[in-house]
Amino acid sequence: MWIRTLSTNECTELLAGHHVARLACARNGRPYVVPIYYAYAENALYAFSIPGKKIDWMRANPLVSVLVESPLQRRQWKSVIADGRYEELPERIGHKRQRDHAWSLLNKHTDWWEPGALKPATPPLADDARHIFFRIVIEELSGREAKE
C-alpha cells in the first residue's frame, strides 16, 4: 500500500462530490464528533440544524474540523480534513442573502433537511422557526489517498 498527499484541487473535488461529513468541535477541553449533511461552495461547507449540542458547542468555540471520506475498495480510500470557522447564518437583516444561498445549495439534494431536523424519537421539525443555517469557512485543507 502507498499513501500520497492530495493537492488542494483534489481536496476540493472530494468535498464537492460528497454531502456527508464528520464534524468535530470542542468545548471545555472535550471533543464532540457528529455526522452532518453539507453542500460545498466558495471555500465553505453549508449545513443546517436545529438547536442542540453541536450548535451550542460551535457557538462557544467556532474553531472546527470536518472529515470527508471516500472509501474506494478494500485498503483503498481518500480523505480530506477541512479546518475552519463556524459562522451562523441567522434569519435577520444582513444575513438573508447568505442564508438563501445556503438553502439553495442544500435544496439541490433530496431530503437534505432530514439529518439536521430529525432527532431521536421526535417528529420532523420542517416548519420549526428554530432552524439554523450555518457554514464552515475553510481555513486549511489537507487530504490523503491510499492505494494498493
N, C-alpha and C. Protein backbone atom coordinates (compact mmCIF):
# COMPACT_ATOMS: atom_id res chain seq x y z
N MET A 1 0.84 -1.18 0.00
CA MET A 1 0.00 0.00 0.00
C MET A 1 0.88 1.24 0.00
N TRP A 2 0.45 2.25 -0.71
CA TRP A 2 1.14 3.54 -0.66
C TRP A 2 0.13 4.63 -0.36
N ILE A 3 0.61 5.67 0.30
CA ILE A 3 -0.24 6.80 0.68
C ILE A 3 0.39 8.06 0.11
N ARG A 4 -0.44 8.88 -0.48
CA ARG A 4 0.06 10.14 -1.03
C ARG A 4 -0.81 11.30 -0.56
N THR A 5 -0.25 12.49 -0.62
CA THR A 5 -0.96 13.71 -0.25
C THR A 5 -1.77 14.20 -1.44
N LEU A 6 -3.01 14.58 -1.19
CA LEU A 6 -3.86 15.14 -2.25
C LEU A 6 -3.54 16.62 -2.45
N SER A 7 -3.66 17.08 -3.67
CA SER A 7 -3.49 18.51 -3.97
C SER A 7 -4.72 19.26 -3.46
N THR A 8 -4.61 20.56 -3.40
CA THR A 8 -5.75 21.39 -2.99
C THR A 8 -6.94 21.17 -3.92
N ASN A 9 -6.67 21.09 -5.23
CA ASN A 9 -7.76 20.85 -6.18
C ASN A 9 -8.42 19.49 -5.95
N GLU A 10 -7.64 18.47 -5.67
CA GLU A 10 -8.20 17.15 -5.39
C GLU A 10 -9.03 17.16 -4.10
N CYS A 11 -8.58 17.92 -3.12
CA CYS A 11 -9.34 18.05 -1.87
C CYS A 11 -10.68 18.72 -2.12
N THR A 12 -10.69 19.80 -2.88
CA THR A 12 -11.96 20.49 -3.13
C THR A 12 -12.89 19.65 -3.99
N GLU A 13 -12.34 18.87 -4.91
CA GLU A 13 -13.17 17.96 -5.72
C GLU A 13 -13.85 16.92 -4.84
N LEU A 14 -13.11 16.40 -3.88
CA LEU A 14 -13.70 15.41 -2.97
C LEU A 14 -14.80 16.07 -2.13
N LEU A 15 -14.56 17.27 -1.61
CA LEU A 15 -15.59 17.97 -0.83
C LEU A 15 -16.83 18.23 -1.67
N ALA A 16 -16.63 18.67 -2.90
CA ALA A 16 -17.76 18.99 -3.78
C ALA A 16 -18.53 17.75 -4.21
N GLY A 17 -17.87 16.61 -4.24
CA GLY A 17 -18.50 15.38 -4.71
C GLY A 17 -19.22 14.58 -3.64
N HIS A 18 -19.16 15.02 -2.41
CA HIS A 18 -19.81 14.32 -1.30
C HIS A 18 -20.74 15.26 -0.55
N HIS A 19 -21.56 14.68 0.32
CA HIS A 19 -22.51 15.52 1.07
C HIS A 19 -22.64 15.13 2.53
N VAL A 20 -21.95 14.08 2.95
CA VAL A 20 -21.97 13.67 4.35
C VAL A 20 -20.55 13.76 4.88
N ALA A 21 -20.42 14.35 6.07
CA ALA A 21 -19.10 14.53 6.68
C ALA A 21 -19.20 14.29 8.18
N ARG A 22 -18.05 14.24 8.82
CA ARG A 22 -17.98 14.18 10.28
C ARG A 22 -17.48 15.53 10.76
N LEU A 23 -18.26 16.18 11.59
CA LEU A 23 -17.91 17.48 12.14
C LEU A 23 -17.35 17.29 13.54
N ALA A 24 -16.16 17.84 13.78
CA ALA A 24 -15.55 17.78 15.11
C ALA A 24 -15.50 19.18 15.70
N CYS A 25 -16.01 19.29 16.91
CA CYS A 25 -15.94 20.56 17.63
C CYS A 25 -15.49 20.26 19.06
N ALA A 26 -15.15 21.28 19.81
CA ALA A 26 -14.65 21.08 21.17
C ALA A 26 -15.17 22.17 22.09
N ARG A 27 -15.37 21.78 23.34
CA ARG A 27 -15.81 22.74 24.36
C ARG A 27 -15.26 22.28 25.70
N ASN A 28 -14.68 23.21 26.43
CA ASN A 28 -14.12 22.91 27.75
C ASN A 28 -13.16 21.72 27.71
N GLY A 29 -12.37 21.65 26.64
CA GLY A 29 -11.37 20.61 26.52
C GLY A 29 -11.90 19.24 26.12
N ARG A 30 -13.18 19.13 25.77
CA ARG A 30 -13.78 17.85 25.38
C ARG A 30 -14.13 17.90 23.90
N PRO A 31 -13.79 16.84 23.15
CA PRO A 31 -14.16 16.79 21.74
C PRO A 31 -15.58 16.21 21.57
N TYR A 32 -16.19 16.55 20.44
CA TYR A 32 -17.50 16.03 20.08
C TYR A 32 -17.51 15.88 18.56
N VAL A 33 -17.87 14.70 18.07
CA VAL A 33 -17.90 14.43 16.63
C VAL A 33 -19.29 13.96 16.26
N VAL A 34 -19.82 14.52 15.17
CA VAL A 34 -21.18 14.19 14.75
C VAL A 34 -21.25 14.25 13.22
N PRO A 35 -22.05 13.38 12.60
CA PRO A 35 -22.21 13.47 11.14
C PRO A 35 -23.08 14.67 10.77
N ILE A 36 -22.76 15.28 9.65
CA ILE A 36 -23.59 16.37 9.11
C ILE A 36 -23.78 16.16 7.61
N TYR A 37 -24.84 16.73 7.10
CA TYR A 37 -25.10 16.79 5.67
C TYR A 37 -24.72 18.19 5.24
N TYR A 38 -23.98 18.33 4.16
CA TYR A 38 -23.49 19.65 3.76
C TYR A 38 -23.53 19.81 2.25
N ALA A 39 -23.35 21.05 1.83
CA ALA A 39 -23.12 21.40 0.42
C ALA A 39 -21.86 22.27 0.40
N TYR A 40 -21.01 22.05 -0.59
CA TYR A 40 -19.75 22.79 -0.69
C TYR A 40 -19.87 23.86 -1.78
N ALA A 41 -19.43 25.07 -1.47
CA ALA A 41 -19.35 26.16 -2.45
C ALA A 41 -18.47 27.27 -1.89
N GLU A 42 -17.74 27.91 -2.76
CA GLU A 42 -16.94 29.10 -2.42
C GLU A 42 -16.12 28.94 -1.15
N ASN A 43 -15.38 27.85 -1.04
CA ASN A 43 -14.48 27.61 0.09
C ASN A 43 -15.21 27.52 1.44
N ALA A 44 -16.45 27.04 1.40
CA ALA A 44 -17.21 26.87 2.64
C ALA A 44 -18.12 25.65 2.52
N LEU A 45 -18.41 25.06 3.67
CA LEU A 45 -19.37 23.97 3.77
C LEU A 45 -20.65 24.56 4.39
N TYR A 46 -21.77 24.42 3.70
CA TYR A 46 -23.04 24.95 4.17
C TYR A 46 -23.86 23.81 4.74
N ALA A 47 -24.47 24.04 5.92
CA ALA A 47 -25.24 23.00 6.58
C ALA A 47 -26.41 23.60 7.34
N PHE A 48 -27.19 22.72 7.95
CA PHE A 48 -28.44 23.09 8.58
C PHE A 48 -28.64 22.22 9.82
N SER A 49 -29.24 22.78 10.85
CA SER A 49 -29.51 22.01 12.07
C SER A 49 -30.61 22.69 12.86
N ILE A 50 -31.10 21.98 13.87
CA ILE A 50 -31.92 22.61 14.88
C ILE A 50 -31.02 22.78 16.10
N PRO A 51 -31.41 23.60 17.06
CA PRO A 51 -30.56 23.78 18.23
C PRO A 51 -30.26 22.46 18.92
N GLY A 52 -29.08 22.39 19.47
CA GLY A 52 -28.65 21.18 20.18
C GLY A 52 -27.20 21.29 20.57
N LYS A 53 -26.63 20.17 20.92
CA LYS A 53 -25.26 20.14 21.44
C LYS A 53 -24.25 20.71 20.46
N LYS A 54 -24.31 20.30 19.18
CA LYS A 54 -23.27 20.78 18.25
C LYS A 54 -23.35 22.29 18.05
N ILE A 55 -24.57 22.83 17.97
CA ILE A 55 -24.72 24.28 17.80
C ILE A 55 -24.22 25.00 19.05
N ASP A 56 -24.59 24.52 20.23
CA ASP A 56 -24.11 25.13 21.48
C ASP A 56 -22.60 25.13 21.54
N TRP A 57 -21.99 24.00 21.19
CA TRP A 57 -20.54 23.89 21.27
C TRP A 57 -19.86 24.78 20.23
N MET A 58 -20.41 24.85 19.02
CA MET A 58 -19.77 25.69 17.99
C MET A 58 -19.95 27.17 18.30
N ARG A 59 -21.04 27.53 18.95
CA ARG A 59 -21.20 28.93 19.38
C ARG A 59 -20.16 29.29 20.43
N ALA A 60 -19.87 28.34 21.32
CA ALA A 60 -18.88 28.58 22.38
C ALA A 60 -17.46 28.58 21.84
N ASN A 61 -17.19 27.74 20.83
CA ASN A 61 -15.86 27.65 20.23
C ASN A 61 -16.04 27.42 18.73
N PRO A 62 -15.94 28.46 17.91
CA PRO A 62 -16.22 28.33 16.48
C PRO A 62 -15.15 27.61 15.66
N LEU A 63 -14.03 27.23 16.25
CA LEU A 63 -12.99 26.51 15.51
C LEU A 63 -13.36 25.04 15.43
N VAL A 64 -13.50 24.52 14.20
CA VAL A 64 -13.96 23.15 13.98
C VAL A 64 -13.11 22.47 12.92
N SER A 65 -13.26 21.15 12.84
CA SER A 65 -12.68 20.36 11.77
C SER A 65 -13.77 19.49 11.17
N VAL A 66 -13.65 19.24 9.87
CA VAL A 66 -14.62 18.41 9.16
C VAL A 66 -13.84 17.35 8.39
N LEU A 67 -14.28 16.10 8.51
CA LEU A 67 -13.66 14.98 7.81
C LEU A 67 -14.64 14.46 6.77
N VAL A 68 -14.17 14.36 5.52
CA VAL A 68 -14.94 13.75 4.44
C VAL A 68 -14.12 12.57 3.94
N GLU A 69 -14.76 11.40 3.89
CA GLU A 69 -14.07 10.19 3.46
C GLU A 69 -14.72 9.61 2.23
N SER A 70 -13.89 8.97 1.42
CA SER A 70 -14.38 8.29 0.23
C SER A 70 -13.73 6.92 0.16
N PRO A 71 -14.39 5.90 0.71
CA PRO A 71 -13.82 4.56 0.58
C PRO A 71 -13.91 4.11 -0.86
N LEU A 72 -12.85 3.55 -1.37
CA LEU A 72 -12.83 3.10 -2.76
C LEU A 72 -13.02 1.59 -2.82
N GLN A 73 -12.07 0.85 -2.36
CA GLN A 73 -12.12 -0.60 -2.27
C GLN A 73 -11.37 -0.99 -1.01
N ARG A 74 -11.30 -2.27 -0.79
CA ARG A 74 -10.56 -2.74 0.39
C ARG A 74 -9.16 -2.13 0.40
N ARG A 75 -8.80 -1.51 1.50
CA ARG A 75 -7.48 -0.90 1.70
C ARG A 75 -7.19 0.24 0.73
N GLN A 76 -8.24 0.83 0.15
CA GLN A 76 -8.06 2.00 -0.71
C GLN A 76 -9.08 3.05 -0.29
N TRP A 77 -8.64 4.28 -0.12
CA TRP A 77 -9.54 5.33 0.33
C TRP A 77 -8.94 6.71 0.03
N LYS A 78 -9.80 7.71 0.13
CA LYS A 78 -9.39 9.11 0.09
C LYS A 78 -10.06 9.78 1.28
N SER A 79 -9.39 10.76 1.85
CA SER A 79 -10.00 11.54 2.92
C SER A 79 -9.47 12.96 2.88
N VAL A 80 -10.34 13.87 3.32
CA VAL A 80 -9.98 15.28 3.38
C VAL A 80 -10.38 15.80 4.75
N ILE A 81 -9.52 16.59 5.34
CA ILE A 81 -9.84 17.30 6.58
C ILE A 81 -9.84 18.78 6.27
N ALA A 82 -10.95 19.42 6.59
CA ALA A 82 -11.09 20.87 6.41
C ALA A 82 -11.16 21.49 7.80
N ASP A 83 -10.18 22.30 8.13
CA ASP A 83 -10.20 23.06 9.38
C ASP A 83 -10.79 24.43 9.07
N GLY A 84 -11.68 24.88 9.92
CA GLY A 84 -12.30 26.16 9.64
C GLY A 84 -13.03 26.76 10.82
N ARG A 85 -13.89 27.71 10.49
CA ARG A 85 -14.59 28.50 11.50
C ARG A 85 -16.09 28.44 11.25
N TYR A 86 -16.84 28.14 12.31
CA TYR A 86 -18.30 28.12 12.28
C TYR A 86 -18.83 29.54 12.17
N GLU A 87 -19.76 29.75 11.24
CA GLU A 87 -20.46 31.03 11.10
C GLU A 87 -21.94 30.75 10.95
N GLU A 88 -22.70 31.24 11.90
CA GLU A 88 -24.15 31.07 11.85
C GLU A 88 -24.73 32.06 10.83
N LEU A 89 -25.77 31.63 10.14
CA LEU A 89 -26.44 32.48 9.16
C LEU A 89 -27.85 32.75 9.68
N PRO A 90 -27.98 33.71 10.60
CA PRO A 90 -29.26 33.94 11.26
C PRO A 90 -30.30 34.54 10.32
N GLU A 91 -31.53 34.38 10.69
CA GLU A 91 -32.64 34.91 9.90
C GLU A 91 -32.91 36.35 10.31
N ARG A 92 -32.04 37.24 9.84
CA ARG A 92 -32.21 38.66 10.12
C ARG A 92 -31.49 39.47 9.04
N ILE A 93 -31.77 40.74 9.02
CA ILE A 93 -31.20 41.63 8.02
C ILE A 93 -29.67 41.52 8.05
N GLY A 94 -29.09 41.48 6.89
CA GLY A 94 -27.64 41.38 6.78
C GLY A 94 -27.17 39.96 6.51
N HIS A 95 -28.05 38.98 6.75
CA HIS A 95 -27.66 37.59 6.53
C HIS A 95 -28.61 36.88 5.56
N LYS A 96 -29.66 37.56 5.13
CA LYS A 96 -30.68 36.91 4.31
C LYS A 96 -30.08 36.33 3.02
N ARG A 97 -29.24 37.08 2.34
CA ARG A 97 -28.65 36.59 1.09
C ARG A 97 -27.82 35.33 1.33
N GLN A 98 -27.01 35.33 2.39
CA GLN A 98 -26.18 34.17 2.70
C GLN A 98 -27.04 32.97 3.10
N ARG A 99 -28.09 33.23 3.88
CA ARG A 99 -28.99 32.15 4.30
C ARG A 99 -29.73 31.57 3.09
N ASP A 100 -30.22 32.43 2.21
CA ASP A 100 -30.89 31.97 0.99
C ASP A 100 -29.92 31.17 0.11
N HIS A 101 -28.68 31.60 0.06
CA HIS A 101 -27.66 30.89 -0.71
C HIS A 101 -27.45 29.48 -0.14
N ALA A 102 -27.34 29.38 1.19
CA ALA A 102 -27.18 28.07 1.84
C ALA A 102 -28.37 27.18 1.50
N TRP A 103 -29.57 27.72 1.61
CA TRP A 103 -30.78 26.95 1.31
C TRP A 103 -30.77 26.48 -0.14
N SER A 104 -30.39 27.36 -1.08
CA SER A 104 -30.41 26.98 -2.49
C SER A 104 -29.39 25.88 -2.79
N LEU A 105 -28.23 25.90 -2.13
CA LEU A 105 -27.22 24.85 -2.33
C LEU A 105 -27.71 23.52 -1.76
N LEU A 106 -28.23 23.54 -0.56
CA LEU A 106 -28.70 22.31 0.09
C LEU A 106 -29.93 21.75 -0.59
N ASN A 107 -30.80 22.62 -1.08
CA ASN A 107 -32.08 22.21 -1.66
C ASN A 107 -31.92 21.42 -2.97
N LYS A 108 -30.73 21.41 -3.53
CA LYS A 108 -30.49 20.64 -4.76
C LYS A 108 -30.49 19.14 -4.52
N HIS A 109 -30.48 18.73 -3.25
CA HIS A 109 -30.37 17.32 -2.89
C HIS A 109 -31.63 16.85 -2.18
N THR A 110 -32.10 15.67 -2.51
CA THR A 110 -33.30 15.11 -1.94
C THR A 110 -33.18 14.96 -0.43
N ASP A 111 -34.22 15.37 0.27
CA ASP A 111 -34.32 15.21 1.73
C ASP A 111 -33.11 15.77 2.47
N TRP A 112 -32.53 16.85 1.98
CA TRP A 112 -31.34 17.45 2.57
C TRP A 112 -31.57 17.88 4.01
N TRP A 113 -32.79 18.22 4.36
CA TRP A 113 -33.09 18.77 5.68
C TRP A 113 -33.22 17.72 6.77
N GLU A 114 -33.47 16.45 6.39
CA GLU A 114 -33.75 15.43 7.40
C GLU A 114 -32.64 15.24 8.44
N PRO A 115 -31.38 15.10 8.05
CA PRO A 115 -30.37 14.88 9.08
C PRO A 115 -30.29 16.02 10.11
N GLY A 116 -30.57 17.23 9.70
CA GLY A 116 -30.48 18.36 10.62
C GLY A 116 -31.75 18.61 11.40
N ALA A 117 -32.89 18.10 10.91
CA ALA A 117 -34.17 18.40 11.57
C ALA A 117 -34.71 17.25 12.41
N LEU A 118 -34.22 16.05 12.17
CA LEU A 118 -34.72 14.90 12.91
C LEU A 118 -33.83 14.61 14.11
N LYS A 119 -34.46 14.39 15.23
CA LYS A 119 -33.77 13.98 16.44
C LYS A 119 -34.32 12.62 16.84
N PRO A 120 -33.61 11.84 17.63
CA PRO A 120 -34.14 10.54 18.03
C PRO A 120 -35.52 10.65 18.68
N ALA A 121 -36.44 9.81 18.19
CA ALA A 121 -37.79 9.69 18.75
C ALA A 121 -38.60 10.98 18.74
N THR A 122 -38.36 11.85 17.76
CA THR A 122 -39.18 13.05 17.63
C THR A 122 -39.65 13.17 16.20
N PRO A 123 -40.79 13.82 15.98
CA PRO A 123 -41.26 14.02 14.61
C PRO A 123 -40.40 15.07 13.90
N PRO A 124 -40.44 15.11 12.56
CA PRO A 124 -39.69 16.13 11.83
C PRO A 124 -40.13 17.53 12.23
N LEU A 125 -39.19 18.44 12.17
CA LEU A 125 -39.46 19.82 12.56
C LEU A 125 -39.40 20.74 11.35
N ALA A 126 -39.95 20.31 10.23
CA ALA A 126 -39.81 21.06 8.97
C ALA A 126 -40.36 22.47 9.05
N ASP A 127 -41.37 22.71 9.89
CA ASP A 127 -41.95 24.05 9.97
C ASP A 127 -41.45 24.83 11.19
N ASP A 128 -40.49 24.31 11.90
CA ASP A 128 -39.98 24.94 13.11
C ASP A 128 -39.13 26.15 12.75
N ALA A 129 -39.41 27.29 13.36
CA ALA A 129 -38.68 28.53 13.06
C ALA A 129 -37.28 28.53 13.67
N ARG A 130 -36.95 27.53 14.46
CA ARG A 130 -35.63 27.49 15.10
C ARG A 130 -34.55 26.91 14.21
N HIS A 131 -34.85 26.66 12.98
CA HIS A 131 -33.84 26.10 12.08
C HIS A 131 -32.63 27.02 12.00
N ILE A 132 -31.47 26.40 12.00
CA ILE A 132 -30.23 27.17 11.96
C ILE A 132 -29.45 26.76 10.72
N PHE A 133 -29.23 27.72 9.85
CA PHE A 133 -28.32 27.52 8.73
C PHE A 133 -26.96 28.04 9.17
N PHE A 134 -25.92 27.33 8.79
CA PHE A 134 -24.58 27.77 9.13
C PHE A 134 -23.61 27.34 8.03
N ARG A 135 -22.43 27.90 8.12
CA ARG A 135 -21.37 27.48 7.21
C ARG A 135 -20.08 27.33 7.99
N ILE A 136 -19.24 26.49 7.45
CA ILE A 136 -17.88 26.35 7.96
C ILE A 136 -16.98 26.97 6.90
N VAL A 137 -16.40 28.10 7.22
CA VAL A 137 -15.48 28.76 6.29
C VAL A 137 -14.13 28.05 6.42
N ILE A 138 -13.68 27.47 5.34
CA ILE A 138 -12.47 26.65 5.35
C ILE A 138 -11.23 27.54 5.41
N GLU A 139 -10.39 27.27 6.40
CA GLU A 139 -9.13 28.00 6.55
C GLU A 139 -7.93 27.17 6.12
N GLU A 140 -8.06 25.84 6.24
CA GLU A 140 -6.95 24.95 5.86
C GLU A 140 -7.52 23.61 5.40
N LEU A 141 -6.93 23.08 4.33
CA LEU A 141 -7.35 21.79 3.77
C LEU A 141 -6.16 20.86 3.69
N SER A 142 -6.41 19.59 3.99
CA SER A 142 -5.39 18.57 3.77
C SER A 142 -6.09 17.28 3.39
N GLY A 143 -5.42 16.47 2.62
CA GLY A 143 -6.03 15.22 2.17
C GLY A 143 -5.00 14.15 1.90
N ARG A 144 -5.45 12.90 1.98
CA ARG A 144 -4.60 11.76 1.72
C ARG A 144 -5.36 10.75 0.88
N GLU A 145 -4.60 9.93 0.17
CA GLU A 145 -5.17 8.83 -0.60
C GLU A 145 -4.30 7.60 -0.36
N ALA A 146 -4.96 6.47 -0.17
CA ALA A 146 -4.25 5.19 -0.02
C ALA A 146 -4.65 4.27 -1.16
N LYS A 147 -3.65 3.60 -1.73
CA LYS A 147 -3.89 2.65 -2.81
C LYS A 147 -2.98 1.45 -2.63
N GLU A 148 -3.41 0.33 -3.20
CA GLU A 148 -2.58 -0.88 -3.21
C GLU A 148 -1.46 -0.70 -4.21
